[in-house]
Protein backbone atom coordinates (compact mmCIF):
# COMPACT_ATOMS: atom_id res chain seq x y z
CA MET A 1 -9.78 -50.59 -89.95
CA SER A 2 -8.61 -47.04 -90.54
CA GLY A 3 -12.16 -45.70 -90.22
CA ASN A 4 -12.70 -47.44 -86.85
CA GLY A 5 -9.41 -46.01 -85.57
CA ASN A 6 -10.44 -42.48 -86.51
CA ALA A 7 -13.83 -42.90 -84.89
CA ALA A 8 -12.18 -44.11 -81.69
CA ALA A 9 -9.85 -41.13 -81.67
CA ARG A 10 -12.76 -38.72 -82.14
CA ALA A 11 -14.67 -40.38 -79.34
CA GLU A 12 -11.68 -40.02 -77.01
CA GLU A 13 -11.29 -36.33 -77.94
CA ASN A 14 -14.92 -35.65 -77.07
CA SER A 15 -14.90 -37.67 -73.86
CA PRO A 16 -16.55 -35.75 -71.01
CA ASN A 17 -13.87 -37.11 -68.69
CA MET A 18 -11.06 -35.18 -70.40
CA ARG A 19 -9.66 -32.33 -68.32
CA VAL A 20 -10.65 -28.90 -69.63
CA ILE A 21 -8.08 -26.10 -69.37
CA ARG A 22 -9.73 -22.67 -69.46
CA VAL A 23 -7.68 -19.95 -71.14
CA GLY A 24 -8.41 -16.26 -70.55
CA THR A 25 -7.80 -13.56 -73.15
CA ARG A 26 -8.88 -10.09 -74.25
CA LYS A 27 -11.64 -9.89 -76.84
CA SER A 28 -9.70 -8.10 -79.57
CA GLN A 29 -8.95 -9.89 -82.82
CA LEU A 30 -5.21 -9.69 -82.21
CA ALA A 31 -5.55 -11.08 -78.68
CA ARG A 32 -7.58 -14.00 -80.00
CA ILE A 33 -5.03 -14.73 -82.74
CA GLN A 34 -2.23 -14.72 -80.14
CA THR A 35 -4.19 -16.91 -77.73
CA ASP A 36 -5.21 -19.34 -80.46
CA SER A 37 -1.54 -19.81 -81.39
CA VAL A 38 -0.59 -20.60 -77.78
CA VAL A 39 -3.54 -22.98 -77.36
CA ALA A 40 -2.69 -24.76 -80.64
CA THR A 41 0.83 -25.42 -79.36
CA LEU A 42 -0.45 -26.65 -76.00
CA LYS A 43 -2.94 -28.96 -77.74
CA ALA A 44 -0.20 -30.43 -79.89
CA LEU A 45 1.92 -31.08 -76.80
CA ASN A 46 -1.01 -32.39 -74.71
CA PRO A 47 -3.49 -34.29 -76.91
CA GLY A 48 -5.22 -35.66 -73.81
CA LEU A 49 -6.46 -32.23 -72.72
CA GLN A 50 -9.27 -30.00 -73.91
CA PHE A 51 -8.96 -26.22 -74.01
CA GLU A 52 -11.70 -23.61 -73.69
CA ILE A 53 -10.97 -19.97 -74.55
CA ILE A 54 -12.77 -17.32 -72.47
CA ALA A 55 -12.57 -13.78 -73.84
CA MET A 56 -13.32 -10.63 -71.84
CA SER A 57 -12.97 -6.85 -72.01
CA THR A 58 -10.43 -4.97 -69.90
CA THR A 59 -10.25 -1.41 -68.59
CA GLY A 60 -7.85 -0.48 -71.37
CA ASP A 61 -10.27 -1.83 -73.98
CA ARG A 62 -13.21 0.17 -72.64
CA ILE A 63 -11.65 3.59 -72.02
CA LEU A 64 -10.75 4.80 -75.51
CA ASP A 65 -11.14 8.57 -75.22
CA THR A 66 -8.19 9.10 -72.87
CA ALA A 67 -4.45 8.65 -73.41
CA LEU A 68 -3.13 5.59 -71.59
CA SER A 69 -0.71 7.71 -69.57
CA LYS A 70 -3.61 9.77 -68.17
CA ILE A 71 -5.74 6.91 -66.87
CA GLY A 72 -3.41 6.16 -63.96
CA GLU A 73 -4.18 2.45 -63.86
CA LYS A 74 -1.14 0.16 -63.78
CA SER A 75 -3.02 -2.92 -64.99
CA LEU A 76 -5.12 -1.48 -67.82
CA PHE A 77 -5.13 -4.65 -69.90
CA THR A 78 -4.74 -7.28 -67.18
CA LYS A 79 -6.89 -6.55 -64.10
CA GLU A 80 -10.10 -8.23 -65.23
CA LEU A 81 -8.22 -11.24 -66.54
CA GLU A 82 -6.32 -11.59 -63.26
CA HIS A 83 -9.60 -11.34 -61.35
CA ALA A 84 -10.90 -14.33 -63.33
CA LEU A 85 -7.62 -16.16 -62.66
CA GLU A 86 -7.91 -15.47 -58.94
CA LYS A 87 -11.51 -16.77 -58.86
CA LYS A 88 -10.38 -19.87 -60.78
CA GLU A 89 -12.70 -19.05 -63.65
CA VAL A 90 -9.68 -19.53 -65.91
CA ASP A 91 -6.50 -21.56 -65.45
CA LEU A 92 -4.12 -19.37 -67.45
CA VAL A 93 -4.14 -16.07 -69.33
CA VAL A 94 -2.31 -15.15 -72.53
CA HIS A 95 -1.00 -11.57 -72.71
CA SER A 96 1.20 -9.43 -74.87
CA LEU A 97 4.16 -9.41 -72.49
CA LYS A 98 4.58 -5.63 -72.78
CA ASP A 99 1.14 -5.23 -71.13
CA LEU A 100 2.22 -7.05 -67.96
CA PRO A 101 3.64 -4.95 -65.08
CA THR A 102 7.07 -5.95 -63.82
CA VAL A 103 5.53 -6.80 -60.45
CA LEU A 104 2.40 -8.93 -60.61
CA PRO A 105 -0.24 -9.09 -57.84
CA PRO A 106 0.50 -11.62 -55.07
CA GLY A 107 -0.26 -15.17 -56.10
CA PHE A 108 0.41 -14.72 -59.83
CA THR A 109 3.45 -15.42 -61.99
CA ILE A 110 4.42 -15.54 -65.65
CA GLY A 111 4.69 -19.27 -66.29
CA ALA A 112 5.85 -19.03 -69.90
CA ILE A 113 7.35 -16.55 -72.34
CA CYS A 114 6.96 -17.68 -75.94
CA LYS A 115 9.45 -17.13 -78.75
CA ARG A 116 9.60 -13.45 -79.60
CA GLU A 117 8.62 -12.10 -82.99
CA ASN A 118 10.03 -8.86 -84.45
CA PRO A 119 10.07 -6.50 -81.43
CA HIS A 120 10.54 -3.24 -83.35
CA ASP A 121 8.00 -0.50 -83.96
CA ALA A 122 6.53 0.02 -87.41
CA VAL A 123 5.13 3.05 -89.22
CA VAL A 124 1.87 2.72 -91.14
CA PHE A 125 1.25 5.64 -93.48
CA HIS A 126 -1.97 7.20 -94.72
CA PRO A 127 -2.58 6.01 -98.30
CA LYS A 128 -1.64 9.42 -99.70
CA PHE A 129 1.79 9.17 -98.03
CA VAL A 130 2.67 5.61 -99.04
CA GLY A 131 6.32 5.53 -100.04
CA LYS A 132 7.29 8.22 -97.53
CA THR A 133 9.30 7.83 -94.32
CA LEU A 134 8.94 9.78 -91.09
CA GLU A 135 11.89 11.89 -92.18
CA THR A 136 10.27 12.81 -95.52
CA LEU A 137 6.75 13.54 -94.22
CA PRO A 138 5.72 17.20 -94.69
CA GLU A 139 6.33 19.72 -91.90
CA LYS A 140 3.74 19.55 -89.07
CA SER A 141 2.41 16.17 -90.20
CA VAL A 142 0.49 14.49 -87.36
CA VAL A 143 1.63 11.03 -86.30
CA GLY A 144 -0.59 8.95 -84.03
CA THR A 145 0.66 6.78 -81.17
CA SER A 146 -0.77 5.53 -77.89
CA SER A 147 2.69 5.44 -76.30
CA LEU A 148 4.64 8.18 -74.50
CA ARG A 149 7.73 6.05 -75.07
CA ARG A 150 7.35 6.32 -78.81
CA ALA A 151 6.32 9.98 -78.83
CA ALA A 152 9.23 11.11 -76.64
CA GLN A 153 11.87 9.33 -78.70
CA LEU A 154 10.44 10.23 -82.09
CA GLN A 155 9.83 13.88 -81.22
CA ARG A 156 13.55 14.21 -80.59
CA LYS A 157 14.50 12.38 -83.78
CA PHE A 158 11.88 14.05 -86.02
CA PRO A 159 11.22 17.55 -84.61
CA HIS A 160 9.30 18.60 -87.74
CA LEU A 161 6.46 16.19 -86.86
CA GLU A 162 3.61 16.46 -84.34
CA PHE A 163 2.64 13.47 -82.23
CA LYS A 164 -0.92 12.90 -81.03
CA SER A 165 -2.57 10.17 -78.98
CA ILE A 166 -4.61 7.57 -80.87
CA ARG A 167 -6.46 4.76 -79.06
CA GLY A 168 -8.30 1.59 -79.98
CA ASN A 169 -7.40 -1.89 -81.16
CA LEU A 170 -5.36 -2.35 -84.33
CA ASN A 171 -8.45 -2.47 -86.54
CA THR A 172 -9.81 0.76 -85.04
CA ARG A 173 -6.52 2.65 -85.29
CA LEU A 174 -5.99 1.66 -88.91
CA GLN A 175 -9.56 2.73 -89.71
CA LYS A 176 -8.97 6.11 -88.05
CA LEU A 177 -5.78 6.53 -90.06
CA ASP A 178 -7.44 5.71 -93.39
CA GLU A 179 -10.77 7.52 -92.92
CA LEU A 180 -10.36 10.55 -90.66
CA GLN A 181 -7.70 12.44 -92.63
CA GLU A 182 -6.30 13.51 -89.22
CA PHE A 183 -3.13 11.44 -89.18
CA SER A 184 -0.38 11.18 -91.77
CA ALA A 185 0.90 8.00 -90.11
CA ILE A 186 0.56 5.91 -86.96
CA ILE A 187 3.13 3.88 -85.01
CA LEU A 188 2.30 0.27 -84.15
CA ALA A 189 4.17 -2.84 -83.06
CA THR A 190 5.54 -4.80 -86.01
CA ALA A 191 4.70 -8.11 -84.32
CA GLY A 192 1.01 -7.24 -84.01
CA LEU A 193 0.74 -6.28 -87.67
CA GLN A 194 2.49 -9.49 -88.68
CA ARG A 195 0.23 -11.65 -86.52
CA MET A 196 -2.82 -10.00 -88.08
CA GLY A 197 -1.43 -10.69 -91.57
CA TRP A 198 -1.10 -6.98 -92.36
CA GLN A 199 2.59 -6.89 -93.26
CA ASN A 200 1.70 -5.03 -96.46
CA ARG A 201 0.67 -1.98 -94.39
CA ILE A 202 4.16 -1.57 -92.91
CA GLY A 203 5.81 1.41 -94.56
CA GLN A 204 8.86 1.67 -92.30
CA ILE A 205 10.36 -0.38 -89.46
CA LEU A 206 12.07 1.85 -86.92
CA ARG A 207 15.67 1.12 -86.02
CA PRO A 208 16.70 1.13 -82.33
CA GLU A 209 18.54 4.43 -82.80
CA GLU A 210 15.23 5.94 -83.97
CA CYS A 211 12.94 4.35 -81.40
CA MET A 212 13.80 1.65 -78.87
CA TYR A 213 10.99 -0.86 -78.50
CA ALA A 214 9.03 -1.46 -75.29
CA VAL A 215 10.10 -3.92 -72.63
CA GLY A 216 8.81 -7.35 -73.66
CA GLN A 217 7.45 -6.15 -77.01
CA GLY A 218 6.95 -8.91 -79.56
CA ALA A 219 6.74 -11.69 -76.93
CA LEU A 220 3.70 -13.41 -75.46
CA GLY A 221 3.50 -14.12 -71.73
CA VAL A 222 1.32 -16.76 -70.07
CA GLU A 223 0.17 -15.73 -66.59
CA VAL A 224 -0.86 -18.40 -64.09
CA ARG A 225 -1.48 -18.87 -60.37
CA ALA A 226 1.95 -19.13 -58.75
CA LYS A 227 1.09 -22.22 -56.68
CA ASP A 228 -0.69 -24.11 -59.46
CA GLN A 229 2.15 -26.53 -60.18
CA ASP A 230 0.19 -28.60 -62.72
CA ILE A 231 -0.45 -25.55 -64.88
CA LEU A 232 3.13 -24.30 -64.38
CA ASP A 233 4.38 -27.66 -65.67
CA LEU A 234 1.92 -27.51 -68.56
CA VAL A 235 2.86 -24.04 -69.82
CA GLY A 236 6.56 -24.27 -68.88
CA MET A 237 7.18 -26.19 -72.09
CA LEU A 238 6.38 -22.98 -74.01
CA HIS A 239 9.40 -21.07 -72.65
CA ASP A 240 11.82 -19.93 -75.34
CA PRO A 241 15.18 -19.66 -73.49
CA GLU A 242 16.64 -16.78 -75.51
CA THR A 243 13.44 -14.72 -75.36
CA LEU A 244 13.06 -15.50 -71.66
CA LEU A 245 16.52 -14.22 -70.73
CA CYS A 246 16.17 -11.10 -72.85
CA CYS A 247 12.82 -10.30 -71.24
CA ILE A 248 14.12 -10.94 -67.71
CA ALA A 249 16.87 -8.38 -68.37
CA GLU A 250 14.41 -5.89 -69.88
CA ARG A 251 11.84 -6.29 -67.10
CA ALA A 252 14.54 -6.02 -64.42
CA PHE A 253 15.69 -2.78 -66.05
CA LEU A 254 12.14 -1.42 -66.15
CA LYS A 255 11.38 -2.52 -62.60
CA HIS A 256 14.54 -0.90 -61.24
CA LEU A 257 14.38 2.28 -63.31
CA LEU A 258 10.57 2.55 -63.54
CA TYR A 259 10.78 3.56 -67.20
CA LEU A 260 12.09 2.48 -70.62
CA THR A 261 14.51 -0.08 -71.97
CA GLY A 262 17.97 1.30 -72.61
CA GLY A 263 17.28 4.99 -72.17
CA VAL A 264 15.12 7.80 -70.81
CA TRP A 265 13.65 10.86 -72.52
CA SER A 266 11.90 14.06 -71.49
CA LEU A 267 8.35 14.26 -72.85
CA ASP A 268 9.24 16.75 -75.57
CA GLY A 269 12.31 14.75 -76.56
CA SER A 270 14.67 17.65 -75.83
CA ASP A 271 16.59 15.79 -73.12
CA SER A 272 17.62 12.17 -73.29
CA MET A 273 20.11 9.64 -72.03
CA GLN A 274 21.01 6.28 -73.53
CA GLU A 275 23.45 3.57 -72.56
CA THR A 276 24.34 0.11 -73.80
CA MET A 277 25.48 -2.71 -71.57
CA GLN A 278 26.30 -6.27 -72.60
CA ALA A 279 26.64 -9.55 -70.76
CA THR A 280 27.44 -13.06 -71.97
CA ILE A 281 25.03 -15.63 -70.54
CA HIS A 282 25.65 -19.34 -70.99
CA ILE A 283 22.80 -21.83 -70.69
CA SER A 284 24.25 -25.11 -69.52
CA ALA A 285 22.50 -28.43 -69.87
CA GLN A 286 22.33 -28.98 -66.12
CA TYR A 287 20.79 -26.89 -63.37
CA GLU A 288 23.12 -24.95 -61.14
CA ASP A 289 20.50 -25.39 -58.43
CA GLY A 290 17.47 -27.63 -58.15
CA PRO A 291 14.15 -26.49 -59.65
CA GLU A 292 12.81 -25.79 -56.16
CA ASP A 293 15.43 -23.05 -55.79
CA ASP A 294 14.61 -21.30 -59.08
CA PRO A 295 13.74 -17.66 -58.46
CA GLN A 296 10.65 -15.76 -59.47
CA LEU A 297 12.56 -13.02 -61.27
CA VAL A 298 10.49 -9.97 -62.24
CA SER A 299 7.38 -12.15 -61.68
CA ILE A 300 8.57 -14.90 -64.02
CA THR A 301 8.78 -18.59 -63.10
CA ALA A 302 10.99 -20.72 -65.35
CA GLN A 303 11.93 -23.97 -63.65
CA ASN A 304 13.37 -25.45 -66.85
CA ILE A 305 15.90 -22.64 -67.37
CA PRO A 306 19.08 -22.63 -65.19
CA ARG A 307 18.92 -20.24 -62.24
CA VAL A 308 22.38 -18.84 -62.92
CA ALA A 309 21.34 -17.71 -66.42
CA GLN A 310 18.19 -16.01 -65.11
CA LEU A 311 20.13 -14.20 -62.38
CA ALA A 312 22.72 -13.02 -64.91
CA ALA A 313 19.96 -11.62 -67.12
CA GLU A 314 18.33 -9.85 -64.17
CA ASN A 315 21.66 -8.38 -63.04
CA LEU A 316 22.29 -7.05 -66.55
CA GLY A 317 19.00 -5.13 -66.50
CA ILE A 318 19.60 -3.76 -63.00
CA SER A 319 23.18 -2.74 -63.82
CA LEU A 320 22.04 -0.81 -66.90
CA ALA A 321 19.34 0.93 -64.88
CA ASN A 322 21.84 1.90 -62.17
CA LEU A 323 24.27 3.24 -64.76
CA LEU A 324 21.59 5.55 -66.15
CA LEU A 325 20.42 6.60 -62.69
CA ASN A 326 23.97 7.45 -61.67
CA LYS A 327 24.32 9.63 -64.75
CA GLY A 328 21.22 11.67 -63.91
CA ALA A 329 18.30 9.76 -65.41
CA LYS A 330 16.18 10.29 -62.28
CA ASN A 331 15.94 14.03 -62.97
CA ILE A 332 14.67 13.41 -66.49
CA LEU A 333 12.08 10.93 -65.22
CA ASP A 334 10.90 13.23 -62.43
CA VAL A 335 10.33 16.11 -64.83
CA ALA A 336 8.57 13.84 -67.32
CA ARG A 337 6.21 12.52 -64.64
CA GLN A 338 5.44 16.05 -63.37
CA LEU A 339 4.66 17.28 -66.90
CA ASN A 340 2.45 14.27 -67.59
CA ASP A 341 0.53 14.78 -64.32
CA ALA A 342 0.08 18.48 -65.07
CA HIS A 343 -1.51 17.73 -68.43
């Protein structure tokens, strides 16, 4: 009896009549691990659906000899995936949320933001410097990072170090660190290292006062077609309310200020400005407005999260951005952009 039941279940799973949901992702090992985790959750919630993962390369994956800030493309890791979404070659795309611009192309929205993992940056040291910290590295040690955000903050905090661009996926960057003898350490996202199972390579996790993490870092975002209600309903169950509200505030800050979360820095770290702003946001059990009135805040659609909570999160991000702008942040940003363009 049990055997017949199992056989029937397998036959149903393999039925050609089952709807197939096509999921787009980047080809990197980390991207596949992240996408597999999202698909596994969706499968568990929707046993009557099949899922097919379609992996592709993006501009950011192909151009590895140039610093990200020099390429001038605002959708380095998303454009090709969005093109497939637009052509209906895929039904949804899984991204690291920090890779998604605060304003998506027309017709797209973030339909889900999954529970955030550790958002902080981590330091991975060359084997000969294991046991060190950034503070105790020798004078003029070279630290690799692909992020101006990290370099600007850390140059100010650790002026005895030199920061140099390093590109490639996590595997490639770790290989460069271990084999080239060029870098004493590299800075990576803690969440990515954890998802890859490489926690043992983390030598130091940076505190916010050392380096504030990127907007959306540690969270996964699921991008869909904005009018595809069936897919919005499908992925909407993945929303983690706390992560969602935090990321709305962060993305609203970035969108309004056009820069970093919580502060701005000159490229050499010599000038900086930081502020902290807090808001209490209550998530009630009932909607303040109907789902049809829920806003697309910073390109996010969350019909199962109260509108009032989303608006409060967005207003927090905008208020913090305005506070910094009123205190002179625009001048720092203008100089930083001019220096970056000149180089």
